[in-house]
Amino acid sequence: MFKNQRLNNPALWVLTSQLIIPSALAASLSSGPDYEVNGDLEIAAGIFSSDKNYLYDTDRGGAFWQEGYIKFGVSGHYTLNQKATTYGAVNVLSSGTWGDGDAGGFTSGNERRTDLEDAYIGFRSGNLLPALGTNGLDVSFGRQNFVIGDGFLINGDALNLGDNLNGGGLDFDRGGAYWLAARKAFDRTAIARIGGDSGIRSDLFWLHSDNNAQADTELAGINLEYVAPYGTFGLMHIKGLDVDDNYAQALGLSNRDGQKTTSLRYQGNAGTEELFLSGEIVTQDQGDASRPDAEAWYLEAGWSFSEVTWAPEVSARFSQFDEGFDPLFFGFNRGYGTWFQGEVAANYAGPFNTDTDVLHLGVKAYPTSKLAVGALFFDFSDTNQGTGTLDSQEIDLYAEWAVRENLFISPVIGFYKPENSAANGGSQYQDDDLNTYAQIIAVIGF
């Protein structure tokens, strides 16, 4: 829902004005007047069940699997003159999938991997550049996560496939934990954030992925924003610079080398506290005569009944994605449904934010300050070049419970109904009957 700020795609930390789930906590290892070094630990685990399978045929007649990861390391900062600071972090991440593997067939259940996750350094200007405001210049380099806006196009490098699709000399295995999206850091980055928390600001970025499922894409871009009390306007341009040819050809992503993507967006309340408005329009020049240019856009509106019992919120959104639109590094950012639309559809069955129209309705309420409950409806239409073979509807019911300061639990039950089975061009094997899907996620941060 619209006040729900989920950080990192597609799992797990939730921050809202009414429900507070802290992000990963840090324990101080050493500190002084000018420095601090912290020990970081984040643990996440999930149990998943689906009555049906998608995309890759199996004889199981459903799937039951588990995912988990542990992320640990150190972070810290050192204060210089004029309150300028240098900062950095180094983290290692261990992840895995157990059981049958996920319902989409992207993991087998045999994935295990321990590898470097974050390794970056940065500099914040403090009061050194008064014309830019406090910390008006923030420059960082290395292996790190990066997000623009609410993740419609860039929300980290968070596609975490397993070994089930390996073959023909191609290796897509990133350690599993597909839904939890354990690994989110781009392999190499250079990022400059210019400006403060209000007025005109910008981001200049160069990102290089080492994710074979993203064809090891390299891109660069500029993001300009005007931040006002009534909302934020954003304009972004991205240029694709390179891909791994072997993986790009296998995935149909060769167009990313030279691809140009431009977006215009707004998010805010237009001066009315109870109102939420959000929208973005994207044009994409594929740079390839064999692949037509594409567009995508969405409009969303919501209202918060803050004076009513349980402070319910309602929202409606319509999004449209052209055939051939490349959603790049979209991800789970401000709650269930953004930008993984439907737990079954977005994760396993498709469509995956391309070649579809999506109507979304949502409601969320807060029985207590530590508990939120919600329901989401999705209707997918005009899919697969207008043939409708992936047309479907989905309803998801969920809860978000801050059990205590460092423990967050979220159960979900979903009901997904495709209009076609795999035998008729759809993605659901067995049949086109209603699929019942369930998951429960737990996150611990220290």
Protein backbone atom coordinates (compact mmCIF):
# COMPACT_ATOMS: atom_id res chain seq x y z
CA MET A 1 0.00 0.00 0.00
CA PHE A 2 0.98 3.56 -0.53
CA LYS A 3 2.49 4.42 2.84
CA ASN A 4 4.29 1.11 3.08
CA GLN A 5 7.98 1.58 2.30
CA ARG A 6 9.53 -1.83 1.64
CA LEU A 7 13.28 -1.43 1.31
CA ASN A 8 15.09 -3.78 -1.10
CA ASN A 9 13.48 -6.13 -3.77
CA PRO A 10 11.67 -8.29 -3.05
CA ALA A 11 11.92 -8.76 0.68
CA LEU A 12 11.49 -7.34 3.63
CA TRP A 13 11.91 -4.26 5.78
CA VAL A 14 8.77 -2.21 6.23
CA LEU A 15 8.54 1.42 7.29
CA THR A 16 5.22 3.20 7.45
CA SER A 17 3.91 6.20 9.35
CA GLN A 18 1.82 3.89 11.52
CA LEU A 19 3.55 0.50 11.46
CA ILE A 20 7.25 0.59 12.28
CA ILE A 21 9.48 -2.34 11.31
CA PRO A 22 13.13 -1.29 11.79
CA SER A 23 15.66 -2.00 9.09
CA ALA A 24 18.67 -4.14 9.87
CA LEU A 25 20.16 -3.00 13.14
CA ALA A 26 23.86 -2.60 13.86
CA ALA A 27 25.80 -3.29 17.01
CA SER A 28 28.63 -0.87 17.76
CA LEU A 29 31.99 -2.64 17.80
CA SER A 30 34.13 0.41 18.38
CA SER A 31 33.53 4.17 18.52
CA GLY A 32 35.16 7.45 19.37
CA PRO A 33 34.61 11.18 18.94
CA ASP A 34 35.29 10.97 15.19
CA TYR A 35 34.44 7.43 14.16
CA GLU A 36 32.19 4.42 14.63
CA VAL A 37 32.49 0.80 13.49
CA ASN A 38 29.41 -1.41 13.57
CA GLY A 39 28.80 -5.12 13.28
CA ASP A 40 25.86 -5.87 10.95
CA LEU A 41 23.70 -8.99 10.89
CA GLU A 42 20.54 -9.71 8.92
CA ILE A 43 18.76 -13.08 8.80
CA ALA A 44 15.72 -13.90 6.67
CA ALA A 45 13.83 -17.14 6.07
CA GLY A 46 10.65 -18.13 4.31
CA ILE A 47 8.40 -21.15 3.83
CA PHE A 48 6.41 -21.34 0.57
CA SER A 49 3.69 -23.55 -0.90
CA SER A 50 1.95 -23.57 -4.27
CA ASP A 51 -0.67 -26.03 -5.52
CA LYS A 52 0.43 -25.42 -9.12
CA ASN A 53 3.64 -25.10 -11.16
CA TYR A 54 4.56 -22.52 -13.82
CA LEU A 55 6.78 -21.96 -16.86
CA TYR A 56 8.89 -25.09 -16.47
CA ASP A 57 7.03 -28.39 -16.41
CA THR A 58 7.48 -30.81 -13.54
CA ASP A 59 5.74 -33.95 -12.38
CA ARG A 60 5.28 -32.66 -8.84
CA GLY A 61 1.78 -31.25 -9.08
CA GLY A 62 2.73 -28.28 -6.91
CA ALA A 63 5.73 -27.13 -4.92
CA PHE A 64 6.77 -26.81 -1.29
CA TRP A 65 10.09 -25.12 -0.58
CA GLN A 66 12.11 -23.02 1.85
CA GLU A 67 14.48 -20.10 1.36
CA GLY A 68 16.92 -18.35 3.67
CA TYR A 69 19.94 -16.12 3.91
CA ILE A 70 22.36 -14.68 6.45
CA LYS A 71 24.13 -11.39 5.77
CA PHE A 72 26.92 -10.29 8.10
CA GLY A 73 29.82 -7.87 8.13
CA VAL A 74 30.93 -4.44 9.27
CA SER A 75 30.08 -0.85 8.40
CA GLY A 76 31.22 2.47 9.72
CA HIS A 77 32.11 6.10 9.20
CA TYR A 78 34.84 8.62 10.05
CA THR A 79 34.13 12.32 10.57
CA LEU A 80 36.41 14.86 8.90
CA ASN A 81 36.48 18.67 8.99
CA GLN A 82 33.20 20.59 8.62
CA LYS A 83 31.31 17.43 9.55
CA ALA A 84 32.20 15.76 6.27
CA THR A 85 32.40 11.99 6.59
CA THR A 86 33.85 8.99 4.87
CA TYR A 87 31.85 5.78 5.16
CA GLY A 88 31.84 2.22 3.93
CA ALA A 89 30.79 -1.36 4.48
CA VAL A 90 31.89 -4.93 3.79
CA ASN A 91 29.33 -7.73 4.05
CA VAL A 92 29.26 -11.42 3.19
CA LEU A 93 26.03 -13.24 2.36
CA SER A 94 25.13 -16.94 2.54
CA SER A 95 21.90 -18.05 0.83
CA GLY A 96 20.08 -21.19 -0.18
CA THR A 97 16.86 -22.85 -1.33
CA TRP A 98 15.59 -26.19 0.00
CA GLY A 99 12.75 -28.54 -0.81
CA ASP A 100 11.17 -28.70 -4.26
CA GLY A 101 12.44 -25.35 -5.48
CA ASP A 102 10.08 -22.50 -6.32
CA ALA A 103 6.80 -22.82 -8.23
CA GLY A 104 8.22 -21.09 -11.31
CA GLY A 105 11.06 -23.57 -11.68
CA PHE A 106 13.78 -20.94 -11.30
CA THR A 107 15.37 -22.87 -8.40
CA SER A 108 15.78 -26.61 -7.80
CA GLY A 109 16.10 -26.65 -4.01
CA ASN A 110 19.79 -27.54 -4.16
CA GLU A 111 21.26 -24.03 -4.22
CA ARG A 112 23.83 -22.97 -1.62
CA ARG A 113 26.24 -20.04 -1.94
CA THR A 114 28.43 -17.84 0.24
CA ASP A 115 29.91 -14.78 -1.42
CA LEU A 116 30.75 -11.12 -1.02
CA GLU A 117 27.68 -8.88 -1.05
CA ASP A 118 28.56 -5.26 -0.11
CA ALA A 119 31.99 -3.69 -0.47
CA TYR A 120 31.87 0.07 -0.94
CA ILE A 121 33.35 3.35 0.24
CA GLY A 122 31.86 6.82 0.13
CA PHE A 123 32.21 10.48 1.04
CA ARG A 124 29.56 12.95 2.29
CA SER A 125 30.39 16.63 2.16
CA GLY A 126 28.87 17.73 5.48
CA ASN A 127 29.16 21.54 5.58
CA LEU A 128 32.06 21.78 3.15
CA LEU A 129 29.80 22.87 0.26
CA PRO A 130 27.19 25.23 1.78
CA ALA A 131 25.68 26.02 -1.63
CA LEU A 132 24.57 22.38 -1.85
CA GLY A 133 23.33 22.16 1.73
CA THR A 134 24.33 19.72 4.46
CA ASN A 135 25.73 16.57 2.85
CA GLY A 136 24.82 18.07 -0.52
CA LEU A 137 27.46 15.92 -2.21
CA ASP A 138 27.54 12.17 -1.60
CA VAL A 139 29.92 10.12 -3.76
CA SER A 140 30.35 6.36 -3.43
CA PHE A 141 32.10 3.54 -5.27
CA GLY A 142 32.12 -0.23 -5.12
CA ARG A 143 29.69 -3.08 -4.71
CA GLN A 144 26.38 -1.75 -3.37
CA ASN A 145 22.61 -1.54 -3.76
CA PHE A 146 21.05 1.38 -5.64
CA VAL A 147 17.42 2.50 -5.99
CA ILE A 148 15.68 5.22 -8.00
CA GLY A 149 12.20 6.42 -7.06
CA ASP A 150 9.94 3.57 -6.00
CA GLY A 151 11.79 0.92 -7.99
CA PHE A 152 9.74 0.98 -11.21
CA LEU A 153 12.98 0.66 -13.23
CA ILE A 154 15.91 0.36 -10.80
CA ASN A 155 15.67 -1.28 -7.40
CA GLY A 156 18.95 -3.07 -6.93
CA ASP A 157 20.31 -6.09 -8.79
CA ALA A 158 17.91 -8.41 -7.02
CA LEU A 159 17.06 -11.22 -9.45
CA ASN A 160 18.28 -14.35 -7.66
CA LEU A 161 17.86 -17.44 -9.83
CA GLY A 162 19.07 -20.92 -8.96
CA ASP A 163 20.60 -23.77 -10.94
CA ASN A 164 17.45 -25.11 -12.56
CA LEU A 165 17.94 -23.16 -15.80
CA ASN A 166 21.64 -23.97 -16.21
CA GLY A 167 22.74 -25.69 -19.38
CA GLY A 168 24.36 -25.17 -22.74
CA GLY A 169 27.36 -23.58 -21.08
CA LEU A 170 25.19 -21.00 -19.28
CA ASP A 171 25.17 -20.65 -15.49
CA PHE A 172 22.33 -18.62 -13.96
CA ASP A 173 22.84 -19.82 -10.38
CA ARG A 174 23.13 -16.88 -7.96
CA GLY A 175 22.63 -18.91 -4.82
CA GLY A 176 18.87 -19.30 -4.78
CA ALA A 177 16.60 -17.58 -2.25
CA TYR A 178 14.61 -16.43 -5.28
CA TRP A 179 11.66 -14.75 -3.50
CA LEU A 180 13.77 -13.30 -0.70
CA ALA A 181 16.12 -11.79 -3.31
CA ALA A 182 19.05 -12.21 -0.96
CA ARG A 183 21.60 -10.54 -3.23
CA LYS A 184 20.80 -6.97 -4.24
CA ALA A 185 24.15 -5.24 -4.77
CA PHE A 186 25.41 -4.24 -8.19
CA ASP A 187 28.92 -5.61 -8.72
CA ARG A 188 30.56 -2.27 -9.60
CA THR A 189 29.13 1.21 -9.15
CA ALA A 190 30.05 4.88 -9.21
CA ILE A 191 27.30 7.07 -7.76
CA ALA A 192 27.15 10.80 -7.10
CA ARG A 193 24.18 12.25 -5.23
CA ILE A 194 24.00 16.03 -5.49
CA GLY A 195 21.66 18.22 -3.46
CA GLY A 196 19.77 17.91 -0.19
CA ASP A 197 16.36 16.69 0.92
CA SER A 198 14.39 19.50 -0.71
CA GLY A 199 14.47 21.58 -3.87
CA ILE A 200 16.47 20.46 -6.87
CA ARG A 201 18.70 17.41 -6.50
CA SER A 202 20.20 14.77 -8.79
CA ASP A 203 21.86 11.38 -9.04
CA LEU A 204 24.60 10.49 -11.51
CA PHE A 205 25.23 6.76 -11.69
CA TRP A 206 27.19 4.05 -13.44
CA LEU A 207 26.14 0.48 -12.64
CA HIS A 208 27.67 -2.82 -13.73
CA SER A 209 25.83 -6.05 -12.96
CA ASP A 210 27.54 -9.41 -12.54
CA ASN A 211 24.15 -11.15 -12.62
CA ASN A 212 24.01 -13.56 -15.55
CA ALA A 213 20.21 -13.51 -15.39
CA GLN A 214 20.51 -9.80 -16.25
CA ALA A 215 23.08 -10.51 -19.00
CA ASP A 216 25.74 -8.74 -16.89
CA THR A 217 24.26 -5.42 -18.01
CA GLU A 218 26.30 -2.22 -17.77
CA LEU A 219 24.44 1.10 -17.81
CA ALA A 220 24.77 4.75 -16.85
CA GLY A 221 22.24 7.47 -16.18
CA ILE A 222 21.15 10.72 -14.63
CA ASN A 223 18.19 11.28 -12.34
CA LEU A 224 16.91 14.82 -11.70
CA GLU A 225 14.37 15.56 -8.97
CA TYR A 226 12.48 18.49 -7.60
CA VAL A 227 11.48 17.74 -4.01
CA ALA A 228 8.64 19.91 -2.67
CA PRO A 229 6.36 19.60 0.39
CA TYR A 230 3.52 18.40 -1.86
CA GLY A 231 5.51 15.78 -3.74
CA THR A 232 8.57 14.84 -5.77
CA PHE A 233 8.92 15.26 -9.53
CA GLY A 234 11.57 13.14 -11.25
CA LEU A 235 13.13 12.91 -14.69
CA MET A 236 15.58 10.09 -15.46
CA HIS A 237 17.55 9.00 -18.50
CA ILE A 238 19.41 5.67 -18.72
CA LYS A 239 21.80 4.50 -21.44
CA GLY A 240 22.72 0.84 -21.83
CA LEU A 241 26.46 0.45 -22.36
CA ASP A 242 27.22 -3.26 -22.60
CA VAL A 243 25.99 -6.82 -22.05
CA ASP A 244 27.47 -10.30 -22.04
CA ASP A 245 26.63 -11.42 -25.58
CA ASN A 246 26.10 -15.10 -24.75
CA TYR A 247 23.62 -14.46 -21.93
CA ALA A 248 21.99 -11.53 -23.72
CA GLN A 249 21.24 -13.68 -26.77
CA ALA A 250 19.85 -16.49 -24.61
CA LEU A 251 17.62 -14.08 -22.67
CA GLY A 252 16.63 -11.80 -25.54
CA LEU A 253 18.41 -8.83 -23.96
CA SER A 254 20.92 -7.95 -26.67
CA ASN A 255 19.07 -4.65 -27.20
CA ARG A 256 20.30 -3.42 -23.81
CA ASP A 257 23.62 -2.52 -25.44
CA GLY A 258 22.70 0.96 -26.66
CA GLN A 259 19.16 0.97 -25.29
CA LYS A 260 17.90 4.38 -24.09
CA THR A 261 15.23 4.66 -21.40
CA THR A 262 13.67 7.93 -20.26
CA SER A 263 11.08 8.33 -17.49
CA LEU A 264 9.03 11.14 -15.98
CA ARG A 265 7.42 10.57 -12.60
CA TYR A 266 5.61 12.17 -9.66
CA GLN A 267 4.81 10.96 -6.17
CA GLY A 268 3.24 12.94 -3.33
CA ASN A 269 0.00 14.20 -1.82
CA ALA A 270 -0.57 17.43 -3.81
CA GLY A 271 -0.95 19.28 -0.52
CA THR A 272 -3.69 17.03 0.95
CA GLU A 273 -2.41 14.87 3.80
CA GLU A 274 -4.86 12.00 3.31
CA LEU A 275 -4.21 11.77 -0.42
CA PHE A 276 -1.53 9.74 -2.19
CA LEU A 277 -0.74 10.18 -5.88
CA SER A 278 1.90 8.41 -7.93
CA GLY A 279 2.61 8.02 -11.60
CA GLU A 280 5.38 7.38 -14.09
CA ILE A 281 5.67 7.25 -17.86
CA VAL A 282 8.62 5.57 -19.56
CA THR A 283 9.75 5.61 -23.18
CA GLN A 284 12.32 3.13 -24.38
CA ASP A 285 14.40 3.42 -27.55
CA GLN A 286 15.57 -0.13 -28.16
CA GLY A 287 18.28 0.93 -30.60
CA ASP A 288 17.48 -2.13 -32.70
CA ALA A 289 15.35 -2.05 -35.85
CA SER A 290 14.25 -5.64 -35.20
CA ARG A 291 12.76 -4.67 -31.85
CA PRO A 292 10.26 -1.79 -31.80
CA ASP A 293 10.48 1.03 -29.27
CA ALA A 294 8.23 0.58 -26.27
CA GLU A 295 6.46 2.48 -23.51
CA ALA A 296 5.17 1.78 -20.04
CA TRP A 297 3.20 3.91 -17.60
CA TYR A 298 1.10 3.80 -14.47
CA LEU A 299 -1.23 6.04 -12.50
CA GLU A 300 -2.09 5.40 -8.85
CA ALA A 301 -4.28 7.16 -6.30
CA GLY A 302 -4.95 6.36 -2.66
CA TRP A 303 -6.71 7.76 0.36
CA SER A 304 -5.97 7.31 4.07
CA PHE A 305 -8.87 7.40 6.53
CA SER A 306 -6.60 8.30 9.43
CA GLU A 307 -9.41 9.23 11.83
CA VAL A 308 -11.31 5.97 11.35
CA THR A 309 -10.75 2.87 13.50
CA TRP A 310 -7.73 0.89 12.23
CA ALA A 311 -6.84 3.87 9.96
CA PRO A 312 -7.69 2.06 6.71
CA GLU A 313 -6.07 3.00 3.39
CA VAL A 314 -7.50 2.30 -0.06
CA SER A 315 -5.74 2.59 -3.41
CA ALA A 316 -6.27 1.98 -7.11
CA ARG A 317 -3.68 1.74 -9.87
CA PHE A 318 -3.63 1.04 -13.58
CA SER A 319 -0.38 0.16 -15.33
CA GLN A 320 0.31 -0.60 -18.96
CA PHE A 321 3.41 -2.21 -20.47
CA ASP A 322 4.01 -2.48 -24.21
CA GLU A 323 5.10 -5.65 -25.93
CA GLY A 324 8.90 -5.71 -25.87
CA PHE A 325 9.19 -3.29 -22.94
CA ASP A 326 12.27 -4.07 -20.85
CA PRO A 327 11.53 -3.44 -17.13
CA LEU A 328 15.28 -3.48 -16.37
CA PHE A 329 16.01 -3.84 -12.63
CA PHE A 330 12.52 -3.26 -11.20
CA GLY A 331 11.88 -4.49 -7.69
CA PHE A 332 10.01 -4.77 -4.43
CA ASN A 333 10.10 -1.31 -2.91
CA ARG A 334 7.09 0.20 -1.13
CA GLY A 335 4.98 -2.80 -0.28
CA TYR A 336 3.32 -5.91 -1.66
CA GLY A 337 2.37 -5.14 -5.24
CA THR A 338 5.18 -2.66 -6.05
CA TRP A 339 6.63 -3.56 -8.32
CA PHE A 340 6.04 -7.28 -8.10
CA GLN A 341 2.36 -7.21 -9.05
CA GLY A 342 0.75 -10.30 -7.54
CA GLU A 343 2.69 -12.83 -5.50
CA VAL A 344 2.00 -15.66 -7.97
CA ALA A 345 1.87 -13.66 -11.20
CA ALA A 346 4.93 -11.51 -10.56
CA ASN A 347 7.15 -14.22 -9.14
CA TYR A 348 6.22 -17.41 -10.99
CA ALA A 349 3.45 -17.26 -13.58
CA GLY A 350 4.01 -13.96 -15.43
CA PRO A 351 3.56 -11.55 -17.06
CA PHE A 352 6.63 -9.86 -15.61
CA ASN A 353 5.95 -6.13 -16.13
CA THR A 354 5.93 -6.39 -19.91
CA ASP A 355 3.27 -6.91 -22.60
CA THR A 356 0.28 -6.50 -20.28
CA ASP A 357 -2.30 -4.17 -18.74
CA VAL A 358 -2.74 -4.44 -14.97
CA LEU A 359 -5.60 -3.16 -12.84
CA HIS A 360 -4.77 -3.17 -9.13
CA LEU A 361 -7.00 -2.43 -6.12
CA GLY A 362 -5.77 -2.52 -2.54
CA VAL A 363 -6.86 -1.97 1.02
CA LYS A 364 -4.77 -1.92 4.18
CA ALA A 365 -5.52 -1.33 7.86
CA TYR A 366 -3.65 -1.11 11.16
CA PRO A 367 -5.30 -2.96 14.07
CA THR A 368 -2.34 -2.00 16.28
CA SER A 369 0.85 0.02 15.91
CA LYS A 370 2.73 -3.25 15.34
CA LEU A 371 0.30 -5.02 13.02
CA ALA A 372 -0.96 -4.25 9.53
CA VAL A 373 -3.37 -6.36 7.45
CA GLY A 374 -4.22 -5.95 3.80
CA ALA A 375 -5.86 -7.34 0.68
CA LEU A 376 -4.77 -6.89 -2.94
CA PHE A 377 -6.56 -7.57 -6.22
CA PHE A 378 -4.90 -7.76 -9.65
CA ASP A 379 -6.39 -8.21 -13.10
CA PHE A 380 -3.96 -8.93 -15.94
CA SER A 381 -5.30 -8.38 -19.46
CA ASP A 382 -4.19 -7.84 -23.06
CA THR A 383 -1.21 -10.13 -22.44
CA ASN A 384 1.14 -11.86 -24.87
CA GLN A 385 0.76 -9.62 -27.93
CA GLY A 386 -2.93 -9.19 -27.29
CA THR A 387 -3.73 -12.91 -27.46
CA GLY A 388 -4.66 -12.99 -23.78
CA THR A 389 -2.92 -16.29 -23.12
CA LEU A 390 -1.50 -14.99 -19.82
CA ASP A 391 -4.66 -13.12 -18.79
CA SER A 392 -5.44 -13.87 -15.14
CA GLN A 393 -6.72 -12.56 -11.83
CA GLU A 394 -5.16 -12.75 -8.39
CA ILE A 395 -6.18 -11.91 -4.82
CA ASP A 396 -3.56 -11.75 -2.04
CA LEU A 397 -4.26 -11.45 1.70
CA TYR A 398 -1.37 -10.53 3.96
CA ALA A 399 -0.26 -9.34 7.38
CA GLU A 400 2.86 -7.49 8.54
CA TRP A 401 3.68 -8.00 12.21
CA ALA A 402 6.50 -6.29 14.08
CA VAL A 403 6.80 -8.91 16.79
CA ARG A 404 9.54 -6.99 18.54
CA GLU A 405 12.26 -4.49 17.74
CA ASN A 406 14.36 -6.87 15.68
CA LEU A 407 11.83 -9.47 14.49
CA PHE A 408 9.36 -9.06 11.61
CA ILE A 409 6.91 -11.75 10.41
CA SER A 410 4.66 -11.60 7.34
CA PRO A 411 2.24 -14.34 6.23
CA VAL A 412 0.56 -14.24 2.80
CA ILE A 413 -2.12 -16.35 1.17
CA GLY A 414 -2.85 -15.87 -2.51
CA PHE A 415 -5.48 -17.12 -4.96
CA TYR A 416 -4.44 -17.05 -8.62
CA LYS A 417 -6.82 -17.91 -11.50
CA PRO A 418 -5.41 -18.06 -15.03
CA GLU A 419 -7.68 -18.00 -18.03
CA ASN A 420 -5.52 -20.54 -19.87
CA SER A 421 -3.42 -23.53 -18.91
CA ALA A 422 0.03 -24.20 -20.36
CA ALA A 423 -1.58 -26.54 -22.88
CA ASN A 424 -3.49 -23.54 -24.26
CA GLY A 425 -0.62 -21.06 -24.26
CA GLY A 426 -0.68 -20.05 -20.60
CA SER A 427 1.98 -20.69 -17.98
CA GLN A 428 0.19 -22.87 -15.40
CA TYR A 429 0.78 -26.58 -15.74
CA GLN A 430 -1.74 -29.21 -14.63
CA ASP A 431 -4.81 -27.11 -15.59
CA ASP A 432 -6.33 -23.62 -15.48
CA ASP A 433 -7.98 -24.11 -12.08
CA LEU A 434 -7.60 -21.80 -9.10
CA ASN A 435 -4.17 -22.03 -7.46
CA THR A 436 -3.87 -21.54 -3.71
CA TYR A 437 -0.49 -20.14 -2.71
CA ALA A 438 0.91 -19.46 0.77
CA GLN A 439 4.08 -18.11 2.30
CA ILE A 440 5.38 -16.88 5.63
CA ILE A 441 8.48 -14.71 5.95
CA ALA A 442 10.54 -13.95 9.06
CA VAL A 443 13.34 -11.37 9.24
CA ILE A 444 15.74 -10.75 12.10
CA GLY A 445 18.17 -7.84 12.22
CA PHE A 446 20.89 -7.08 14.77
